[in-house]
Amino acid sequence: MQDLDDTVEIKVLKVDTTVFSKDYKFLKGYDDIVKCNATGKVYKSNYKGTFVELVEVSNMGAMEKIEKGMTDFRNQLIKEGF
């Protein structure tokens, strides 16, 4: 059983849709992952009425590593005829 000391707290930011459209941009190829223009932090977005909920998921360095891995995987599938 997991101790309560091991619990991770997830912070959800609530942003008005007007502020969201001005201060965040979607990462190419994603419809729910955005980057804050001011900080460069990357978030998972979820629309809730007139607000957008944002949960920090990573930083750009990590996202670039993921993208590279996905590109390599896609290229391997193409090479194998999929």
Protein backbone atom coordinates (compact mmCIF):
# COMPACT_ATOMS: atom_id res chain seq x y z
CA MET A 1 0.00 0.00 0.00
CA GLN A 2 1.27 3.47 -0.89
CA ASP A 3 2.00 5.98 1.88
CA LEU A 4 0.31 9.35 1.72
CA ASP A 5 3.79 10.90 1.67
CA ASP A 6 4.26 9.43 -1.83
CA THR A 7 1.16 11.14 -3.21
CA VAL A 8 1.76 13.58 -6.06
CA GLU A 9 -0.32 16.74 -6.12
CA ILE A 10 -1.50 17.77 -9.57
CA LYS A 11 -2.24 21.45 -9.99
CA VAL A 12 -4.91 22.44 -12.49
CA LEU A 13 -4.80 25.97 -13.84
CA LYS A 14 -8.08 27.53 -14.94
CA VAL A 15 -7.72 30.06 -17.73
CA ASP A 16 -10.44 32.12 -19.41
CA THR A 17 -10.79 31.18 -23.09
CA THR A 18 -9.96 34.75 -24.17
CA VAL A 19 -6.68 34.69 -22.23
CA PHE A 20 -6.02 31.15 -23.42
CA SER A 21 -6.30 32.04 -27.11
CA LYS A 22 -3.92 34.99 -26.61
CA ASP A 23 -1.30 33.42 -24.30
CA TYR A 24 -1.10 29.77 -25.45
CA LYS A 25 -0.48 28.02 -28.75
CA PHE A 26 -1.15 24.44 -29.75
CA LEU A 27 1.86 22.31 -30.55
CA LYS A 28 1.96 21.11 -34.13
CA GLY A 29 0.23 17.76 -34.52
CA TYR A 30 -1.65 17.96 -31.20
CA ASP A 31 -5.18 19.10 -30.46
CA ASP A 32 -4.84 19.11 -26.67
CA ILE A 33 -1.19 19.98 -25.93
CA VAL A 34 -0.32 23.67 -25.67
CA LYS A 35 2.69 25.82 -24.90
CA CYS A 36 2.55 29.01 -22.85
CA ASN A 37 4.01 31.86 -24.91
CA ALA A 38 5.46 33.59 -21.82
CA THR A 39 7.01 30.66 -19.91
CA GLY A 40 7.50 27.94 -22.53
CA LYS A 41 5.80 25.41 -20.23
CA VAL A 42 3.79 22.67 -21.92
CA TYR A 43 0.28 21.77 -20.77
CA LYS A 44 -2.50 19.28 -21.46
CA SER A 45 -5.62 21.34 -22.13
CA ASN A 46 -9.26 20.53 -21.49
CA TYR A 47 -12.17 22.85 -22.31
CA LYS A 48 -14.74 23.32 -19.52
CA GLY A 49 -17.40 25.83 -20.53
CA THR A 50 -15.85 29.29 -20.78
CA PHE A 51 -12.59 28.14 -19.21
CA VAL A 52 -9.69 25.94 -20.25
CA GLU A 53 -8.15 23.67 -17.62
CA LEU A 54 -4.39 23.25 -17.97
CA VAL A 55 -2.21 20.57 -16.39
CA GLU A 56 1.56 20.90 -16.80
CA VAL A 57 2.87 17.79 -18.53
CA SER A 58 6.45 18.47 -19.46
CA ASN A 59 8.92 20.93 -20.86
CA MET A 60 9.91 21.50 -24.47
CA GLY A 61 13.12 19.44 -24.17
CA ALA A 62 11.12 16.40 -23.14
CA MET A 63 8.50 17.02 -25.84
CA GLU A 64 11.24 17.22 -28.49
CA LYS A 65 12.65 13.87 -27.33
CA ILE A 66 9.17 12.33 -27.55
CA GLU A 67 8.67 13.80 -31.03
CA LYS A 68 12.02 12.42 -32.21
CA GLY A 69 11.15 8.97 -30.87
CA MET A 70 7.77 9.06 -32.60
CA THR A 71 9.39 10.15 -35.88
CA ASP A 72 11.91 7.32 -35.69
CA PHE A 73 9.11 4.84 -34.96
CA ARG A 74 6.99 6.16 -37.86
CA ASN A 75 9.94 5.92 -40.23
CA GLN A 76 10.59 2.33 -39.16
CA LEU A 77 6.95 1.41 -39.80
CA ILE A 78 7.11 2.97 -43.26
CA LYS A 79 10.33 1.09 -43.98
CA GLU A 80 8.62 -2.17 -43.01
CA GLY A 81 5.69 -1.44 -45.32
CA PHE A 82 2.97 -0.35 -42.89
